[in-house]
Amino acid sequence: MRLVERIKTLCKEKKITIAELERKTGISNGQIRKWDSSIPGVDKLEAIANYFDVSTDYLLGRTDKKRYYDLKDTNQSDADKKLNEILNKLDEEEKILLIVSLENTLLLANQLAKKKFK
């Protein structure tokens, strides 16, 4: 998939237009559509990648993995095992405290994300 196609797909996923993306990232109006025939600067690619939380390699079609930090299956399996080990050591009260703590962390992360992408 080409750069502009990937950007269009990401815009659809986020339910914004390319014009909105250009405004939110400080890119000149109509500039993104020209990238089918020209190469954007690194600063523009980084702005788009940061906005969508994807890698520039993903935007450029070098990988289908959106983020560098996405876990591989083996890493996910290792993380699952470690989490189960930790959970098995906790009593019910500690598990409840952990759940409440994680819920609060997720709420805070969502609030920060909403502020960042308004």
N, C-alpha and C. Protein backbone atom coordinates (compact mmCIF):
# COMPACT_ATOMS: atom_id res chain seq x y z
N MET A 1 0.85 -1.18 0.00
CA MET A 1 0.00 0.00 0.00
C MET A 1 0.90 1.24 0.00
N ARG A 2 0.53 2.21 -0.77
CA ARG A 2 1.32 3.43 -0.89
C ARG A 2 1.02 4.39 0.26
N LEU A 3 1.91 5.38 0.40
CA LEU A 3 1.84 6.34 1.51
C LEU A 3 0.47 6.99 1.64
N VAL A 4 -0.02 7.60 0.58
CA VAL A 4 -1.30 8.33 0.65
C VAL A 4 -2.44 7.37 0.97
N GLU A 5 -2.39 6.17 0.42
CA GLU A 5 -3.43 5.18 0.72
C GLU A 5 -3.42 4.82 2.20
N ARG A 6 -2.22 4.65 2.76
CA ARG A 6 -2.13 4.33 4.20
C ARG A 6 -2.69 5.47 5.04
N ILE A 7 -2.37 6.67 4.66
CA ILE A 7 -2.86 7.83 5.41
C ILE A 7 -4.38 7.90 5.31
N LYS A 8 -4.92 7.66 4.13
CA LYS A 8 -6.39 7.66 3.97
C LYS A 8 -7.02 6.60 4.86
N THR A 9 -6.42 5.42 4.89
CA THR A 9 -6.94 4.33 5.73
C THR A 9 -6.91 4.72 7.20
N LEU A 10 -5.80 5.30 7.64
CA LEU A 10 -5.69 5.73 9.04
C LEU A 10 -6.72 6.82 9.36
N CYS A 11 -6.94 7.72 8.42
CA CYS A 11 -7.95 8.77 8.62
C CYS A 11 -9.33 8.16 8.77
N LYS A 12 -9.65 7.17 7.93
CA LYS A 12 -10.95 6.51 8.03
C LYS A 12 -11.11 5.83 9.39
N GLU A 13 -10.04 5.16 9.85
CA GLU A 13 -10.09 4.48 11.15
C GLU A 13 -10.34 5.48 12.27
N LYS A 14 -9.76 6.66 12.15
CA LYS A 14 -9.89 7.69 13.19
C LYS A 14 -11.09 8.60 12.95
N LYS A 15 -11.76 8.39 11.81
CA LYS A 15 -12.95 9.16 11.43
C LYS A 15 -12.66 10.65 11.31
N ILE A 16 -11.58 10.96 10.60
CA ILE A 16 -11.25 12.35 10.30
C ILE A 16 -10.96 12.45 8.80
N THR A 17 -11.01 13.65 8.28
CA THR A 17 -10.68 13.86 6.87
C THR A 17 -9.19 14.17 6.74
N ILE A 18 -8.71 14.09 5.52
CA ILE A 18 -7.31 14.45 5.28
C ILE A 18 -7.10 15.93 5.59
N ALA A 19 -8.08 16.76 5.27
CA ALA A 19 -7.98 18.20 5.57
C ALA A 19 -7.85 18.43 7.07
N GLU A 20 -8.62 17.69 7.87
CA GLU A 20 -8.51 17.81 9.33
C GLU A 20 -7.12 17.38 9.80
N LEU A 21 -6.63 16.29 9.23
CA LEU A 21 -5.29 15.81 9.59
C LEU A 21 -4.24 16.87 9.27
N GLU A 22 -4.37 17.48 8.11
CA GLU A 22 -3.41 18.53 7.74
C GLU A 22 -3.46 19.68 8.73
N ARG A 23 -4.64 20.10 9.13
CA ARG A 23 -4.77 21.19 10.11
C ARG A 23 -4.15 20.79 11.45
N LYS A 24 -4.45 19.58 11.90
CA LYS A 24 -3.99 19.14 13.22
C LYS A 24 -2.49 18.90 13.28
N THR A 25 -1.88 18.65 12.13
CA THR A 25 -0.44 18.38 12.11
C THR A 25 0.38 19.53 11.53
N GLY A 26 -0.29 20.61 11.15
CA GLY A 26 0.43 21.78 10.64
C GLY A 26 0.95 21.62 9.22
N ILE A 27 0.34 20.73 8.48
CA ILE A 27 0.73 20.51 7.08
C ILE A 27 -0.17 21.36 6.19
N SER A 28 0.42 21.95 5.17
CA SER A 28 -0.33 22.84 4.27
C SER A 28 -1.52 22.12 3.65
N ASN A 29 -2.60 22.88 3.46
CA ASN A 29 -3.83 22.34 2.88
C ASN A 29 -3.56 21.75 1.49
N GLY A 30 -3.99 20.52 1.28
CA GLY A 30 -3.84 19.86 0.00
C GLY A 30 -2.48 19.20 -0.22
N GLN A 31 -1.58 19.35 0.72
CA GLN A 31 -0.22 18.83 0.55
C GLN A 31 -0.16 17.30 0.54
N ILE A 32 -0.92 16.66 1.42
CA ILE A 32 -0.83 15.20 1.54
C ILE A 32 -1.19 14.51 0.22
N ARG A 33 -2.20 15.00 -0.45
CA ARG A 33 -2.63 14.36 -1.71
C ARG A 33 -1.54 14.45 -2.78
N LYS A 34 -0.65 15.41 -2.66
CA LYS A 34 0.45 15.55 -3.63
C LYS A 34 1.55 14.52 -3.40
N TRP A 35 1.50 13.83 -2.28
CA TRP A 35 2.56 12.87 -1.95
C TRP A 35 2.51 11.61 -2.80
N ASP A 36 1.50 11.47 -3.64
CA ASP A 36 1.49 10.36 -4.59
C ASP A 36 2.59 10.55 -5.63
N SER A 37 2.92 11.82 -5.90
CA SER A 37 3.92 12.10 -6.94
C SER A 37 5.16 12.80 -6.41
N SER A 38 5.21 13.10 -5.11
CA SER A 38 6.39 13.74 -4.53
C SER A 38 6.68 13.11 -3.17
N ILE A 39 7.87 13.35 -2.69
CA ILE A 39 8.28 12.76 -1.42
C ILE A 39 8.19 13.83 -0.33
N PRO A 40 7.45 13.54 0.75
CA PRO A 40 7.35 14.52 1.84
C PRO A 40 8.63 14.56 2.66
N GLY A 41 8.81 15.66 3.37
CA GLY A 41 9.96 15.78 4.26
C GLY A 41 9.79 14.88 5.49
N VAL A 42 10.91 14.59 6.12
CA VAL A 42 10.91 13.73 7.30
C VAL A 42 10.04 14.34 8.40
N ASP A 43 10.09 15.65 8.55
CA ASP A 43 9.29 16.30 9.59
C ASP A 43 7.79 16.09 9.39
N LYS A 44 7.37 16.09 8.14
CA LYS A 44 5.95 15.87 7.84
C LYS A 44 5.56 14.42 8.11
N LEU A 45 6.42 13.49 7.71
CA LEU A 45 6.17 12.07 7.98
C LEU A 45 6.09 11.81 9.48
N GLU A 46 7.01 12.41 10.23
CA GLU A 46 7.01 12.23 11.68
C GLU A 46 5.74 12.80 12.31
N ALA A 47 5.29 13.93 11.81
CA ALA A 47 4.07 14.55 12.35
C ALA A 47 2.87 13.62 12.14
N ILE A 48 2.77 13.04 10.96
CA ILE A 48 1.67 12.11 10.66
C ILE A 48 1.80 10.85 11.52
N ALA A 49 3.01 10.30 11.57
CA ALA A 49 3.24 9.08 12.35
C ALA A 49 2.92 9.31 13.83
N ASN A 50 3.34 10.44 14.36
CA ASN A 50 3.06 10.75 15.77
C ASN A 50 1.57 10.92 16.01
N TYR A 51 0.89 11.57 15.09
CA TYR A 51 -0.54 11.78 15.25
C TYR A 51 -1.29 10.45 15.34
N PHE A 52 -0.93 9.51 14.46
CA PHE A 52 -1.62 8.22 14.43
C PHE A 52 -0.97 7.17 15.33
N ASP A 53 0.14 7.50 15.95
CA ASP A 53 0.89 6.56 16.79
C ASP A 53 1.29 5.33 15.98
N VAL A 54 1.88 5.58 14.83
CA VAL A 54 2.40 4.51 13.98
C VAL A 54 3.85 4.86 13.63
N SER A 55 4.58 3.88 13.12
CA SER A 55 5.96 4.14 12.71
C SER A 55 5.99 4.76 11.31
N THR A 56 7.07 5.48 11.03
CA THR A 56 7.23 6.02 9.69
C THR A 56 7.42 4.88 8.68
N ASP A 57 8.03 3.79 9.11
CA ASP A 57 8.16 2.63 8.23
C ASP A 57 6.79 2.09 7.83
N TYR A 58 5.85 2.11 8.75
CA TYR A 58 4.49 1.67 8.42
C TYR A 58 3.88 2.60 7.37
N LEU A 59 4.03 3.90 7.58
CA LEU A 59 3.47 4.86 6.62
C LEU A 59 4.06 4.65 5.23
N LEU A 60 5.35 4.37 5.18
CA LEU A 60 6.03 4.22 3.90
C LEU A 60 5.84 2.85 3.27
N GLY A 61 5.15 1.96 3.97
CA GLY A 61 4.88 0.64 3.42
C GLY A 61 6.02 -0.35 3.57
N ARG A 62 6.98 -0.02 4.41
CA ARG A 62 8.12 -0.93 4.62
C ARG A 62 7.76 -2.09 5.54
N THR A 63 6.69 -1.92 6.31
CA THR A 63 6.22 -2.96 7.22
C THR A 63 4.71 -2.83 7.36
N ASP A 64 4.08 -3.93 7.71
CA ASP A 64 2.64 -3.89 8.00
C ASP A 64 2.38 -3.76 9.49
N LYS A 65 3.44 -3.72 10.27
CA LYS A 65 3.34 -3.57 11.72
C LYS A 65 3.25 -2.08 12.03
N LYS A 66 2.14 -1.66 12.63
CA LYS A 66 1.91 -0.22 12.83
C LYS A 66 2.92 0.42 13.77
N ARG A 67 3.33 -0.31 14.79
CA ARG A 67 4.21 0.28 15.80
C ARG A 67 5.44 -0.59 16.00
N TYR A 68 6.55 0.05 16.30
CA TYR A 68 7.78 -0.70 16.58
C TYR A 68 7.63 -1.51 17.85
N TYR A 69 6.87 -0.99 18.79
CA TYR A 69 6.79 -1.63 20.10
C TYR A 69 5.67 -2.66 20.20
N ASP A 70 4.98 -2.96 19.10
CA ASP A 70 4.00 -4.04 19.14
C ASP A 70 4.71 -5.33 19.51
N LEU A 71 4.09 -6.10 20.38
CA LEU A 71 4.70 -7.34 20.82
C LEU A 71 4.62 -8.41 19.75
N LYS A 72 5.69 -9.17 19.62
CA LYS A 72 5.65 -10.36 18.78
C LYS A 72 4.90 -11.43 19.57
N ASP A 73 4.44 -12.46 18.90
CA ASP A 73 3.69 -13.52 19.57
C ASP A 73 4.49 -14.13 20.72
N THR A 74 5.79 -14.35 20.52
CA THR A 74 6.59 -14.95 21.59
C THR A 74 6.72 -14.00 22.77
N ASN A 75 6.87 -12.71 22.50
CA ASN A 75 6.94 -11.73 23.59
C ASN A 75 5.62 -11.66 24.34
N GLN A 76 4.51 -11.72 23.60
CA GLN A 76 3.19 -11.69 24.23
C GLN A 76 3.02 -12.91 25.12
N SER A 77 3.44 -14.06 24.64
CA SER A 77 3.34 -15.29 25.42
C SER A 77 4.17 -15.19 26.70
N ASP A 78 5.38 -14.64 26.59
CA ASP A 78 6.23 -14.45 27.77
C ASP A 78 5.58 -13.49 28.75
N ALA A 79 4.99 -12.42 28.23
CA ALA A 79 4.32 -11.45 29.09
C ALA A 79 3.12 -12.09 29.79
N ASP A 80 2.37 -12.90 29.06
CA ASP A 80 1.22 -13.60 29.66
C ASP A 80 1.67 -14.52 30.79
N LYS A 81 2.74 -15.26 30.56
CA LYS A 81 3.25 -16.18 31.59
C LYS A 81 3.67 -15.41 32.84
N LYS A 82 4.41 -14.32 32.64
CA LYS A 82 4.88 -13.52 33.77
C LYS A 82 3.70 -12.93 34.54
N LEU A 83 2.71 -12.43 33.82
CA LEU A 83 1.53 -11.87 34.47
C LEU A 83 0.80 -12.93 35.28
N ASN A 84 0.65 -14.12 34.73
CA ASN A 84 -0.01 -15.20 35.47
C ASN A 84 0.76 -15.57 36.72
N GLU A 85 2.10 -15.58 36.64
CA GLU A 85 2.92 -15.86 37.82
C GLU A 85 2.66 -14.82 38.91
N ILE A 86 2.61 -13.57 38.51
CA ILE A 86 2.38 -12.49 39.48
C ILE A 86 0.99 -12.62 40.09
N LEU A 87 -0.02 -12.83 39.25
CA LEU A 87 -1.39 -12.93 39.74
C LEU A 87 -1.58 -14.11 40.69
N ASN A 88 -0.92 -15.21 40.41
CA ASN A 88 -1.05 -16.39 41.27
C ASN A 88 -0.48 -16.17 42.66
N LYS A 89 0.42 -15.22 42.80
CA LYS A 89 1.03 -14.93 44.11
C LYS A 89 0.18 -13.97 44.95
N LEU A 90 -0.83 -13.35 44.33
CA LEU A 90 -1.64 -12.36 45.04
C LEU A 90 -2.86 -13.00 45.69
N ASP A 91 -3.23 -12.45 46.86
CA ASP A 91 -4.50 -12.89 47.45
C ASP A 91 -5.63 -12.06 46.83
N GLU A 92 -6.86 -12.36 47.18
CA GLU A 92 -8.02 -11.69 46.56
C GLU A 92 -8.01 -10.18 46.75
N GLU A 93 -7.67 -9.72 47.95
CA GLU A 93 -7.65 -8.28 48.22
C GLU A 93 -6.61 -7.59 47.35
N GLU A 94 -5.44 -8.19 47.22
CA GLU A 94 -4.39 -7.61 46.39
C GLU A 94 -4.79 -7.60 44.91
N LYS A 95 -5.50 -8.63 44.47
CA LYS A 95 -5.97 -8.66 43.08
C LYS A 95 -6.96 -7.53 42.82
N ILE A 96 -7.85 -7.29 43.79
CA ILE A 96 -8.83 -6.21 43.65
C ILE A 96 -8.11 -4.86 43.58
N LEU A 97 -7.12 -4.66 44.45
CA LEU A 97 -6.35 -3.42 44.44
C LEU A 97 -5.63 -3.23 43.11
N LEU A 98 -5.08 -4.30 42.58
CA LEU A 98 -4.40 -4.24 41.29
C LEU A 98 -5.37 -3.87 40.18
N ILE A 99 -6.54 -4.47 40.18
CA ILE A 99 -7.55 -4.18 39.16
C ILE A 99 -7.97 -2.72 39.23
N VAL A 100 -8.22 -2.22 40.43
CA VAL A 100 -8.62 -0.82 40.61
C VAL A 100 -7.51 0.11 40.12
N SER A 101 -6.28 -0.23 40.45
CA SER A 101 -5.14 0.58 40.03
C SER A 101 -5.03 0.61 38.50
N LEU A 102 -5.18 -0.55 37.87
CA LEU A 102 -5.11 -0.61 36.41
C LEU A 102 -6.26 0.15 35.75
N GLU A 103 -7.45 0.05 36.32
CA GLU A 103 -8.59 0.79 35.77
C GLU A 103 -8.35 2.29 35.84
N ASN A 104 -7.81 2.76 36.97
CA ASN A 104 -7.51 4.19 37.12
C ASN A 104 -6.44 4.63 36.14
N THR A 105 -5.44 3.79 35.94
CA THR A 105 -4.38 4.10 34.99
C THR A 105 -4.94 4.22 33.58
N LEU A 106 -5.82 3.30 33.20
CA LEU A 106 -6.44 3.35 31.87
C LEU A 106 -7.31 4.59 31.70
N LEU A 107 -8.07 4.94 32.74
CA LEU A 107 -8.89 6.16 32.67
C LEU A 107 -8.02 7.39 32.46
N LEU A 108 -6.93 7.48 33.21
CA LEU A 108 -6.02 8.61 33.07
C LEU A 108 -5.40 8.65 31.68
N ALA A 109 -4.98 7.49 31.18
CA ALA A 109 -4.39 7.43 29.83
C ALA A 109 -5.41 7.88 28.78
N ASN A 110 -6.66 7.47 28.93
CA ASN A 110 -7.70 7.89 27.98
C ASN A 110 -7.92 9.40 28.04
N GLN A 111 -7.94 9.96 29.25
CA GLN A 111 -8.12 11.40 29.39
C GLN A 111 -6.97 12.16 28.74
N LEU A 112 -5.75 11.69 28.96
CA LEU A 112 -4.59 12.35 28.36
C LEU A 112 -4.62 12.24 26.83
N ALA A 113 -5.03 11.09 26.32
CA ALA A 113 -5.11 10.90 24.87
C ALA A 113 -6.17 11.83 24.27
N LYS A 114 -7.30 11.98 24.95
CA LYS A 114 -8.34 12.87 24.45
C LYS A 114 -7.84 14.30 24.37
N LYS A 115 -7.09 14.74 25.39
CA LYS A 115 -6.55 16.10 25.39
C LYS A 115 -5.54 16.27 24.25
N LYS A 116 -4.73 15.25 24.05
CA LYS A 116 -3.67 15.33 23.04
C LYS A 116 -4.23 15.39 21.63
N PHE A 117 -5.32 14.67 21.37
CA PHE A 117 -5.82 14.56 20.01
C PHE A 117 -7.09 15.35 19.76
N LYS A 118 -7.37 16.36 20.57
CA LYS A 118 -8.54 17.22 20.33
C LYS A 118 -8.32 18.11 19.16
